[in-house]
């Protein structure tokens, strides 16, 4: 089981941003690590250099829950910054995928039917 650290959170956030399939890259500006409290991960959208958002995760929770929470926050900001477009889009549907934890893995899944689509948020082996 992975233990959260500033580096593992940074790597997870980078993998999440890659997986969102955004029209322009986002950059992680900072990992503000304060043990015992939610950890803000600040990102900025590529074409919106003044757009800085904060996403939170709790490093004291199990790693899959930490990743799912971080992915959910980043996804919410991405959809808002890009005027409600679904990131990542659910294959064959008009809505975005939802985050969750299934069988001990943080996943993107169809909010209507997880059997329609479910995939890991970050690949196995990613801290």
N, C-alpha and C. Protein backbone atom coordinates (compact mmCIF):
# COMPACT_ATOMS: atom_id res chain seq x y z
N UNK A 1 0.85 -1.18 0.00
CA UNK A 1 0.00 0.00 0.00
C UNK A 1 0.89 1.24 0.00
N UNK A 2 0.56 2.20 -0.85
CA UNK A 2 1.35 3.41 -0.96
C UNK A 2 1.04 4.36 0.18
N UNK A 3 2.07 4.97 0.71
CA UNK A 3 1.91 5.99 1.72
C UNK A 3 2.05 7.34 1.04
N UNK A 4 1.14 8.25 1.35
CA UNK A 4 1.18 9.58 0.74
C UNK A 4 2.40 10.35 1.22
N UNK A 5 3.01 11.04 0.29
CA UNK A 5 4.12 11.94 0.57
C UNK A 5 3.98 13.09 -0.42
N UNK A 6 4.69 14.18 -0.22
CA UNK A 6 4.59 15.26 -1.21
C UNK A 6 4.90 14.78 -2.63
N UNK A 7 5.90 13.92 -2.78
CA UNK A 7 6.25 13.45 -4.12
C UNK A 7 5.19 12.52 -4.70
N UNK A 8 4.62 11.63 -3.87
CA UNK A 8 3.59 10.73 -4.39
C UNK A 8 2.33 11.51 -4.76
N UNK A 9 1.99 12.55 -3.99
CA UNK A 9 0.83 13.38 -4.32
C UNK A 9 1.10 14.15 -5.62
N UNK A 10 2.31 14.67 -5.79
CA UNK A 10 2.66 15.38 -7.03
C UNK A 10 2.54 14.43 -8.24
N UNK A 11 3.09 13.23 -8.12
CA UNK A 11 3.03 12.27 -9.22
C UNK A 11 1.58 11.87 -9.52
N UNK A 12 0.79 11.68 -8.47
CA UNK A 12 -0.62 11.34 -8.67
C UNK A 12 -1.35 12.49 -9.36
N UNK A 13 -1.11 13.73 -8.91
CA UNK A 13 -1.77 14.89 -9.51
C UNK A 13 -1.38 15.02 -10.99
N UNK A 14 -0.12 14.79 -11.31
CA UNK A 14 0.31 14.85 -12.72
C UNK A 14 -0.39 13.78 -13.55
N UNK A 15 -0.51 12.56 -13.01
CA UNK A 15 -1.18 11.48 -13.72
C UNK A 15 -2.67 11.79 -13.89
N UNK A 16 -3.28 12.36 -12.87
CA UNK A 16 -4.69 12.73 -12.94
C UNK A 16 -4.90 13.78 -14.02
N UNK A 17 -4.06 14.82 -14.02
CA UNK A 17 -4.20 15.88 -15.02
C UNK A 17 -4.02 15.32 -16.43
N UNK A 18 -3.07 14.41 -16.61
CA UNK A 18 -2.89 13.76 -17.92
C UNK A 18 -4.15 12.98 -18.30
N UNK A 19 -4.74 12.29 -17.34
CA UNK A 19 -5.91 11.47 -17.59
C UNK A 19 -7.19 12.25 -17.84
N UNK A 20 -7.21 13.52 -17.45
CA UNK A 20 -8.40 14.33 -17.68
C UNK A 20 -8.58 14.69 -19.16
N UNK A 21 -7.51 14.57 -19.95
CA UNK A 21 -7.58 14.88 -21.39
C UNK A 21 -8.01 16.32 -21.64
N UNK A 22 -7.40 17.25 -20.92
CA UNK A 22 -7.73 18.66 -21.05
C UNK A 22 -7.23 19.22 -22.38
N UNK A 23 -7.90 20.25 -22.92
CA UNK A 23 -7.48 20.81 -24.20
C UNK A 23 -6.14 21.53 -24.14
N UNK A 24 -5.72 21.93 -22.96
CA UNK A 24 -4.41 22.57 -22.78
C UNK A 24 -3.83 22.04 -21.47
N UNK A 25 -2.52 21.90 -21.41
CA UNK A 25 -1.92 21.33 -20.19
C UNK A 25 -2.06 22.24 -18.98
N UNK A 26 -2.20 21.61 -17.83
CA UNK A 26 -2.19 22.32 -16.55
C UNK A 26 -0.85 22.04 -15.90
N UNK A 27 -0.42 22.95 -15.09
CA UNK A 27 0.86 22.81 -14.42
C UNK A 27 0.65 22.87 -12.91
N UNK A 28 1.31 21.98 -12.19
CA UNK A 28 1.25 22.01 -10.73
C UNK A 28 2.21 23.08 -10.24
N UNK A 29 1.69 24.02 -9.48
CA UNK A 29 2.51 25.11 -8.97
C UNK A 29 3.13 24.81 -7.63
N UNK A 30 2.40 24.08 -6.80
CA UNK A 30 2.89 23.90 -5.43
C UNK A 30 2.19 22.72 -4.77
N UNK A 31 2.89 22.06 -3.90
CA UNK A 31 2.31 21.07 -3.00
C UNK A 31 2.55 21.62 -1.60
N UNK A 32 1.50 22.07 -0.96
CA UNK A 32 1.62 22.62 0.39
C UNK A 32 1.35 21.48 1.35
N UNK A 33 2.41 20.91 1.89
CA UNK A 33 2.31 19.70 2.72
C UNK A 33 2.29 20.07 4.19
N UNK A 34 1.15 19.83 4.84
CA UNK A 34 1.03 20.08 6.27
C UNK A 34 0.44 18.82 6.90
N UNK A 35 1.28 17.95 7.48
CA UNK A 35 0.77 16.71 8.07
C UNK A 35 -0.38 16.99 9.04
N UNK A 36 -1.40 16.13 8.95
CA UNK A 36 -2.55 16.27 9.85
C UNK A 36 -3.64 17.17 9.31
N UNK A 37 -3.46 17.75 8.12
CA UNK A 37 -4.50 18.58 7.54
C UNK A 37 -4.58 18.30 6.04
N UNK A 38 -5.70 18.70 5.38
CA UNK A 38 -5.77 18.48 3.93
C UNK A 38 -4.60 19.16 3.22
N UNK A 39 -4.14 18.54 2.16
CA UNK A 39 -2.99 19.04 1.42
C UNK A 39 -3.44 19.71 0.14
N UNK A 40 -3.28 21.03 0.02
CA UNK A 40 -3.67 21.66 -1.23
C UNK A 40 -2.65 21.41 -2.33
N UNK A 41 -3.15 21.09 -3.50
CA UNK A 41 -2.33 20.95 -4.68
C UNK A 41 -2.80 22.06 -5.61
N UNK A 42 -1.98 23.05 -5.84
CA UNK A 42 -2.39 24.18 -6.65
C UNK A 42 -1.96 23.96 -8.10
N UNK A 43 -2.91 24.13 -8.99
CA UNK A 43 -2.63 23.95 -10.42
C UNK A 43 -3.12 25.16 -11.19
N UNK A 44 -2.56 25.36 -12.37
CA UNK A 44 -3.04 26.43 -13.24
C UNK A 44 -3.29 25.87 -14.63
N UNK A 45 -4.32 26.38 -15.28
CA UNK A 45 -4.66 25.93 -16.62
C UNK A 45 -3.73 26.59 -17.62
N UNK A 46 -3.27 25.83 -18.62
CA UNK A 46 -2.34 26.34 -19.62
C UNK A 46 -2.76 27.64 -20.27
N UNK A 47 -3.96 27.70 -20.91
CA UNK A 47 -4.32 28.93 -21.59
C UNK A 47 -4.85 30.01 -20.65
N UNK A 48 -4.98 29.68 -19.38
CA UNK A 48 -5.50 30.63 -18.40
C UNK A 48 -4.44 30.88 -17.33
N UNK A 49 -3.39 31.62 -17.68
CA UNK A 49 -2.26 31.74 -16.73
C UNK A 49 -2.64 32.37 -15.40
N UNK A 50 -3.74 33.07 -15.34
CA UNK A 50 -4.14 33.67 -14.07
C UNK A 50 -5.11 32.78 -13.29
N UNK A 51 -5.49 31.69 -13.86
CA UNK A 51 -6.44 30.77 -13.22
C UNK A 51 -5.68 29.79 -12.33
N UNK A 52 -5.74 29.98 -11.04
CA UNK A 52 -5.10 29.09 -10.09
C UNK A 52 -6.19 28.49 -9.21
N UNK A 53 -6.21 27.19 -9.14
CA UNK A 53 -7.21 26.50 -8.33
C UNK A 53 -6.49 25.63 -7.30
N UNK A 54 -7.19 25.32 -6.22
CA UNK A 54 -6.65 24.43 -5.20
C UNK A 54 -7.49 23.18 -5.12
N UNK A 55 -6.82 22.05 -5.10
CA UNK A 55 -7.47 20.77 -4.91
C UNK A 55 -6.93 20.18 -3.62
N UNK A 56 -7.75 19.39 -2.94
CA UNK A 56 -7.36 18.89 -1.63
C UNK A 56 -7.42 17.38 -1.55
N UNK A 57 -6.54 16.84 -0.75
CA UNK A 57 -6.61 15.43 -0.42
C UNK A 57 -6.13 15.28 1.01
N UNK A 58 -6.51 14.19 1.63
CA UNK A 58 -6.13 13.92 3.02
C UNK A 58 -5.09 12.80 3.01
N UNK A 59 -3.82 13.12 3.23
CA UNK A 59 -2.78 12.11 3.16
C UNK A 59 -2.86 11.05 4.26
N UNK A 60 -3.73 11.25 5.24
CA UNK A 60 -3.88 10.26 6.30
C UNK A 60 -4.92 9.20 5.96
N UNK A 61 -5.64 9.37 4.86
CA UNK A 61 -6.63 8.39 4.41
C UNK A 61 -5.91 7.29 3.61
N UNK A 62 -6.56 6.18 3.35
CA UNK A 62 -5.97 5.17 2.48
C UNK A 62 -5.65 5.77 1.10
N UNK A 63 -4.56 5.32 0.49
CA UNK A 63 -4.08 5.89 -0.77
C UNK A 63 -5.16 5.95 -1.87
N UNK A 64 -5.95 4.89 -2.11
CA UNK A 64 -6.98 4.99 -3.15
C UNK A 64 -7.99 6.12 -2.88
N UNK A 65 -8.36 6.32 -1.62
CA UNK A 65 -9.28 7.41 -1.28
C UNK A 65 -8.62 8.77 -1.49
N UNK A 66 -7.33 8.86 -1.17
CA UNK A 66 -6.58 10.10 -1.39
C UNK A 66 -6.58 10.45 -2.87
N UNK A 67 -6.29 9.47 -3.71
CA UNK A 67 -6.24 9.70 -5.16
C UNK A 67 -7.62 10.07 -5.70
N UNK A 68 -8.66 9.36 -5.27
CA UNK A 68 -10.01 9.64 -5.76
C UNK A 68 -10.46 11.04 -5.37
N UNK A 69 -10.16 11.45 -4.14
CA UNK A 69 -10.53 12.81 -3.69
C UNK A 69 -9.79 13.86 -4.49
N UNK A 70 -8.51 13.68 -4.70
CA UNK A 70 -7.71 14.62 -5.47
C UNK A 70 -8.23 14.69 -6.91
N UNK A 71 -8.52 13.54 -7.50
CA UNK A 71 -9.04 13.50 -8.87
C UNK A 71 -10.39 14.21 -8.96
N UNK A 72 -11.25 14.00 -7.98
CA UNK A 72 -12.56 14.64 -7.99
C UNK A 72 -12.43 16.16 -7.93
N UNK A 73 -11.57 16.66 -7.06
CA UNK A 73 -11.37 18.11 -6.95
C UNK A 73 -10.79 18.69 -8.24
N UNK A 74 -9.77 18.04 -8.79
CA UNK A 74 -9.17 18.54 -10.02
C UNK A 74 -10.18 18.49 -11.17
N UNK A 75 -10.96 17.42 -11.23
CA UNK A 75 -11.99 17.29 -12.26
C UNK A 75 -13.02 18.42 -12.15
N UNK A 76 -13.49 18.69 -10.93
CA UNK A 76 -14.48 19.77 -10.74
C UNK A 76 -13.94 21.10 -11.25
N UNK A 77 -12.70 21.41 -10.92
CA UNK A 77 -12.10 22.66 -11.37
C UNK A 77 -11.95 22.69 -12.88
N UNK A 78 -11.53 21.57 -13.47
CA UNK A 78 -11.34 21.52 -14.92
C UNK A 78 -12.66 21.75 -15.64
N UNK A 79 -13.73 21.12 -15.17
CA UNK A 79 -15.04 21.29 -15.80
C UNK A 79 -15.52 22.74 -15.66
N UNK A 80 -15.25 23.35 -14.52
CA UNK A 80 -15.65 24.74 -14.30
C UNK A 80 -14.84 25.69 -15.19
N UNK A 81 -13.52 25.52 -15.21
CA UNK A 81 -12.66 26.39 -16.02
C UNK A 81 -13.01 26.29 -17.50
N UNK A 82 -13.40 25.10 -17.93
CA UNK A 82 -13.70 24.87 -19.34
C UNK A 82 -15.20 24.84 -19.61
N UNK A 83 -15.97 25.63 -18.87
CA UNK A 83 -17.38 25.90 -19.11
C UNK A 83 -18.24 24.64 -19.17
N UNK A 84 -18.03 23.74 -18.24
CA UNK A 84 -18.90 22.58 -18.10
C UNK A 84 -18.62 21.42 -19.04
N UNK A 85 -17.56 21.50 -19.83
CA UNK A 85 -17.23 20.36 -20.69
C UNK A 85 -16.86 19.18 -19.80
N UNK A 86 -17.22 17.96 -20.23
CA UNK A 86 -16.95 16.79 -19.38
C UNK A 86 -15.49 16.32 -19.48
N UNK A 87 -14.80 16.35 -18.38
CA UNK A 87 -13.42 15.87 -18.30
C UNK A 87 -13.30 14.88 -17.16
N UNK A 88 -12.81 13.68 -17.37
CA UNK A 88 -12.74 13.05 -18.68
C UNK A 88 -14.13 12.63 -19.11
N UNK A 89 -14.39 12.64 -20.43
CA UNK A 89 -15.72 12.26 -20.89
C UNK A 89 -15.96 10.76 -20.73
N UNK A 90 -17.19 10.41 -20.44
CA UNK A 90 -17.57 9.01 -20.36
C UNK A 90 -17.75 8.51 -21.79
N UNK A 91 -17.05 7.45 -22.18
CA UNK A 91 -17.15 6.96 -23.56
C UNK A 91 -18.60 6.66 -23.97
N UNK A 92 -19.04 7.29 -25.05
CA UNK A 92 -20.38 7.05 -25.56
C UNK A 92 -21.49 7.82 -24.85
N UNK A 93 -21.16 8.58 -23.81
CA UNK A 93 -22.15 9.36 -23.07
C UNK A 93 -21.75 10.84 -23.12
N UNK A 94 -22.65 11.70 -22.66
CA UNK A 94 -22.38 13.14 -22.67
C UNK A 94 -21.88 13.67 -21.33
N UNK A 95 -21.85 12.85 -20.31
CA UNK A 95 -21.43 13.29 -18.98
C UNK A 95 -19.96 12.92 -18.73
N UNK A 96 -19.36 13.54 -17.70
CA UNK A 96 -18.00 13.15 -17.33
C UNK A 96 -18.04 11.85 -16.52
N UNK A 97 -16.89 11.20 -16.44
CA UNK A 97 -16.76 10.05 -15.55
C UNK A 97 -16.76 10.53 -14.11
N UNK A 98 -17.13 9.68 -13.20
CA UNK A 98 -17.09 9.97 -11.77
C UNK A 98 -15.86 9.29 -11.17
N UNK A 99 -15.48 9.74 -9.99
CA UNK A 99 -14.38 9.08 -9.28
C UNK A 99 -14.95 8.15 -8.23
N UNK A 100 -14.18 7.15 -7.87
CA UNK A 100 -14.60 6.23 -6.84
C UNK A 100 -13.45 5.30 -6.48
N UNK A 101 -13.73 4.37 -5.62
CA UNK A 101 -12.77 3.34 -5.24
C UNK A 101 -13.46 2.00 -5.43
N UNK A 102 -12.83 1.13 -6.20
CA UNK A 102 -13.38 -0.20 -6.45
C UNK A 102 -12.26 -1.23 -6.28
N UNK A 103 -12.50 -2.22 -5.46
CA UNK A 103 -11.52 -3.28 -5.21
C UNK A 103 -10.17 -2.71 -4.79
N UNK A 104 -10.19 -1.65 -3.97
CA UNK A 104 -8.96 -1.06 -3.46
C UNK A 104 -8.19 -0.22 -4.45
N UNK A 105 -8.83 0.19 -5.56
CA UNK A 105 -8.18 1.00 -6.58
C UNK A 105 -9.02 2.24 -6.84
N UNK A 106 -8.38 3.41 -6.94
CA UNK A 106 -9.07 4.64 -7.32
C UNK A 106 -9.42 4.54 -8.80
N UNK A 107 -10.69 4.79 -9.13
CA UNK A 107 -11.15 4.59 -10.51
C UNK A 107 -11.95 5.78 -11.03
N UNK A 108 -11.92 5.89 -12.38
CA UNK A 108 -12.88 6.70 -13.12
C UNK A 108 -13.97 5.71 -13.52
N UNK A 109 -15.25 6.08 -13.34
CA UNK A 109 -16.31 5.17 -13.74
C UNK A 109 -17.53 5.94 -14.21
N UNK A 110 -18.33 5.28 -15.03
CA UNK A 110 -19.58 5.86 -15.51
C UNK A 110 -20.49 6.05 -14.31
N UNK A 111 -21.05 7.27 -14.13
CA UNK A 111 -21.93 7.49 -12.99
C UNK A 111 -23.29 6.81 -13.15
N UNK A 112 -23.63 6.42 -14.37
CA UNK A 112 -24.90 5.74 -14.62
C UNK A 112 -24.76 4.24 -14.42
N UNK A 113 -23.67 3.68 -14.97
CA UNK A 113 -23.44 2.24 -14.85
C UNK A 113 -21.94 1.96 -14.85
N UNK A 114 -21.37 1.67 -13.69
CA UNK A 114 -19.94 1.37 -13.66
C UNK A 114 -19.55 0.22 -14.59
N UNK A 115 -20.51 -0.65 -14.94
CA UNK A 115 -20.21 -1.73 -15.89
C UNK A 115 -19.96 -1.18 -17.29
N UNK A 116 -20.52 0.00 -17.58
CA UNK A 116 -20.31 0.62 -18.89
C UNK A 116 -18.84 1.03 -19.06
N UNK A 117 -18.29 1.64 -18.02
CA UNK A 117 -16.87 2.04 -18.06
C UNK A 117 -16.32 2.15 -16.65
N UNK A 118 -15.16 1.56 -16.46
CA UNK A 118 -14.40 1.71 -15.21
C UNK A 118 -12.94 1.53 -15.57
N UNK A 119 -12.09 2.48 -15.14
CA UNK A 119 -10.65 2.38 -15.39
C UNK A 119 -9.91 3.02 -14.22
N UNK A 120 -8.67 2.57 -13.96
CA UNK A 120 -7.89 3.16 -12.87
C UNK A 120 -7.59 4.63 -13.15
N UNK A 121 -7.62 5.44 -12.11
CA UNK A 121 -7.26 6.85 -12.25
C UNK A 121 -5.77 6.99 -12.51
N UNK A 122 -4.98 6.23 -11.77
CA UNK A 122 -3.54 6.19 -12.01
C UNK A 122 -3.15 4.73 -12.24
N UNK A 123 -2.13 4.54 -13.00
CA UNK A 123 -1.71 3.18 -13.34
C UNK A 123 -1.06 2.51 -12.14
N UNK A 124 -1.17 1.20 -12.07
CA UNK A 124 -0.55 0.43 -11.00
C UNK A 124 0.95 0.71 -11.01
N UNK A 125 1.48 0.83 -9.85
CA UNK A 125 2.91 1.12 -9.74
C UNK A 125 3.19 2.61 -9.56
N UNK A 126 2.19 3.46 -9.91
CA UNK A 126 2.36 4.89 -9.67
C UNK A 126 2.13 5.12 -8.19
N UNK A 127 3.06 5.80 -7.53
CA UNK A 127 2.90 5.98 -6.08
C UNK A 127 1.65 6.75 -5.73
